[in-house]
């Protein structure tokens, strides 16, 4: 009996299958984690680009209404290129002083998406502060 146990432990037949069964779940977790991290980084870059594009187009509009409209259109078009997008929003916030040349505003892009590994929702928000370059002079 003792010799059979020693012989069974020394036998290498089937060892590759056991190694595969033990290592494959770790490799799979690494791959899925990599996809999640890539999705987060890619969507963060898209949110940053959307906030910048929204602010850039809004800064040259003559009034706040047009600025909000064009910012939403340009920013949403950028966010549409994100991965697994569940929800998106582009918002302009005006600082004190109103829509006047030289005043500042903030453009913010928010994106919500699902992660591959857990299916959980993940939300990102990026913003830019910009100066109004072209505003109507109201006299």
Protein backbone atom coordinates (compact mmCIF):
# COMPACT_ATOMS: atom_id res chain seq x y z
CA UNK A 1 0.00 0.00 0.00
CA UNK A 2 2.77 2.40 0.91
CA UNK A 3 4.62 1.65 -2.33
CA UNK A 4 1.47 2.31 -4.36
CA UNK A 5 1.09 5.77 -2.74
CA UNK A 6 4.71 6.65 -3.48
CA UNK A 7 4.35 5.40 -7.03
CA UNK A 8 1.11 7.40 -7.50
CA UNK A 9 2.77 10.61 -6.20
CA UNK A 10 5.78 10.15 -8.51
CA UNK A 11 3.61 9.52 -11.56
CA UNK A 12 3.52 12.69 -13.68
CA UNK A 13 0.66 11.55 -15.88
CA UNK A 14 -2.09 14.20 -15.82
CA UNK A 15 0.09 16.85 -14.13
CA UNK A 16 -0.39 19.31 -17.01
CA UNK A 17 -4.15 19.10 -16.64
CA UNK A 18 -3.91 19.79 -12.91
CA UNK A 19 -1.58 22.75 -13.54
CA UNK A 20 -4.00 24.12 -16.13
CA UNK A 21 -6.98 23.78 -13.78
CA UNK A 22 -5.10 25.59 -11.01
CA UNK A 23 -3.61 28.40 -13.15
CA UNK A 24 -6.42 29.15 -15.64
CA UNK A 25 -8.71 30.96 -13.16
CA UNK A 26 -5.84 33.27 -12.18
CA UNK A 27 -5.05 34.06 -15.80
CA UNK A 28 -8.75 34.64 -16.52
CA UNK A 29 -9.02 37.09 -13.59
CA UNK A 30 -5.97 38.94 -14.88
CA UNK A 31 -7.49 39.24 -18.36
CA UNK A 32 -10.88 40.43 -17.07
CA UNK A 33 -9.21 42.91 -14.69
CA UNK A 34 -7.18 44.26 -17.62
CA UNK A 35 -10.34 44.80 -19.68
CA UNK A 36 -11.98 46.65 -16.77
CA UNK A 37 -8.97 48.90 -16.31
CA UNK A 38 -8.78 49.61 -20.03
CA UNK A 39 -12.50 50.47 -20.11
CA UNK A 40 -12.11 52.86 -17.17
CA UNK A 41 -9.08 54.59 -18.69
CA UNK A 42 -10.66 54.84 -22.14
CA UNK A 43 -13.93 56.27 -20.81
CA UNK A 44 -12.05 58.71 -18.55
CA UNK A 45 -10.24 60.00 -21.64
CA UNK A 46 -13.55 60.29 -23.50
CA UNK A 47 -15.10 62.24 -20.59
CA UNK A 48 -12.10 64.58 -20.49
CA UNK A 49 -12.30 65.12 -24.25
CA UNK A 50 -16.05 65.74 -24.02
CA UNK A 51 -15.62 68.35 -21.27
CA UNK A 52 -12.90 70.08 -23.27
CA UNK A 53 -14.85 70.05 -26.55
CA UNK A 54 -18.00 71.28 -24.83
CA UNK A 55 -16.11 74.12 -23.17
CA UNK A 56 -14.26 75.04 -26.33
CA UNK A 57 -17.42 75.38 -28.42
CA UNK A 58 -19.31 77.14 -25.61
CA UNK A 59 -16.59 79.75 -25.07
CA UNK A 60 -17.17 81.30 -28.49
CA UNK A 61 -20.98 81.48 -28.37
CA UNK A 62 -22.69 84.88 -28.07
CA UNK A 63 -25.09 83.88 -25.26
CA UNK A 64 -25.52 81.24 -22.56
CA UNK A 65 -28.47 79.50 -24.25
CA UNK A 66 -26.51 78.81 -27.43
CA UNK A 67 -23.48 77.85 -25.37
CA UNK A 68 -25.45 75.22 -23.44
CA UNK A 69 -26.99 73.81 -26.62
CA UNK A 70 -23.74 73.53 -28.58
CA UNK A 71 -21.81 72.25 -25.56
CA UNK A 72 -24.35 69.49 -25.00
CA UNK A 73 -24.30 68.50 -28.68
CA UNK A 74 -20.51 68.45 -29.01
CA UNK A 75 -19.88 66.80 -25.65
CA UNK A 76 -22.54 64.12 -26.14
CA UNK A 77 -21.09 63.26 -29.56
CA UNK A 78 -17.74 62.64 -27.87
CA UNK A 79 -19.29 60.56 -25.06
CA UNK A 80 -21.13 58.42 -27.62
CA UNK A 81 -17.73 56.94 -28.51
CA UNK A 82 -17.28 55.52 -24.99
CA UNK A 83 -17.40 51.82 -24.15
CA UNK A 84 -20.47 50.19 -22.56
CA UNK A 85 -22.08 53.61 -21.98
CA UNK A 86 -25.23 53.43 -19.86
CA UNK A 87 -25.77 57.17 -19.26
CA UNK A 88 -24.09 60.43 -20.26
CA UNK A 89 -24.51 64.11 -19.48
CA UNK A 90 -22.79 67.38 -20.36
CA UNK A 91 -23.40 70.40 -18.13
CA UNK A 92 -22.26 74.04 -18.20
CA UNK A 93 -22.04 75.98 -14.94
CA UNK A 94 -21.71 79.73 -15.13
CA UNK A 95 -19.66 81.61 -12.52
CA UNK A 96 -20.89 84.88 -11.03
CA UNK A 97 -21.13 87.83 -13.36
CA UNK A 98 -23.19 86.27 -16.12
CA UNK A 99 -22.29 85.53 -19.72
CA UNK A 100 -19.81 88.33 -20.40
CA UNK A 101 -16.52 88.34 -22.24
CA UNK A 102 -13.71 87.57 -19.80
CA UNK A 103 -15.89 85.78 -17.22
CA UNK A 104 -15.39 82.07 -16.54
CA UNK A 105 -17.54 78.96 -16.69
CA UNK A 106 -17.13 75.24 -16.07
CA UNK A 107 -17.97 72.49 -18.52
CA UNK A 108 -18.50 69.07 -16.98
CA UNK A 109 -18.96 65.68 -18.65
CA UNK A 110 -20.39 62.72 -16.72
CA UNK A 111 -20.43 59.16 -18.04
CA UNK A 112 -21.80 55.98 -16.47
CA UNK A 113 -20.86 52.57 -17.84
CA UNK A 114 -20.81 48.89 -16.90
CA UNK A 115 -17.68 46.99 -15.92
CA UNK A 116 -17.01 43.69 -17.63
CA UNK A 117 -16.02 41.67 -14.55
CA UNK A 118 -18.88 42.49 -12.19
CA UNK A 119 -21.41 44.23 -14.41
CA UNK A 120 -21.49 47.02 -11.82
CA UNK A 121 -22.12 50.59 -12.90
CA UNK A 122 -19.09 52.88 -12.77
CA UNK A 123 -19.40 56.67 -12.98
CA UNK A 124 -16.79 59.19 -14.09
CA UNK A 125 -16.88 62.96 -14.12
CA UNK A 126 -14.36 65.31 -15.73
CA UNK A 127 -14.47 69.09 -16.00
CA UNK A 128 -12.73 72.11 -17.54
CA UNK A 129 -12.79 75.74 -16.45
CA UNK A 130 -12.72 78.15 -19.37
CA UNK A 131 -13.02 81.83 -20.13
CA UNK A 132 -15.81 83.31 -22.25
CA UNK A 133 -14.23 84.65 -25.43
CA UNK A 134 -17.17 85.94 -27.42
CA UNK A 135 -20.27 87.32 -25.71
CA UNK A 136 -22.89 89.81 -26.85
CA UNK A 137 -22.50 93.24 -25.33
CA UNK A 138 -25.84 94.13 -23.75
CA UNK A 139 -26.20 97.88 -23.34
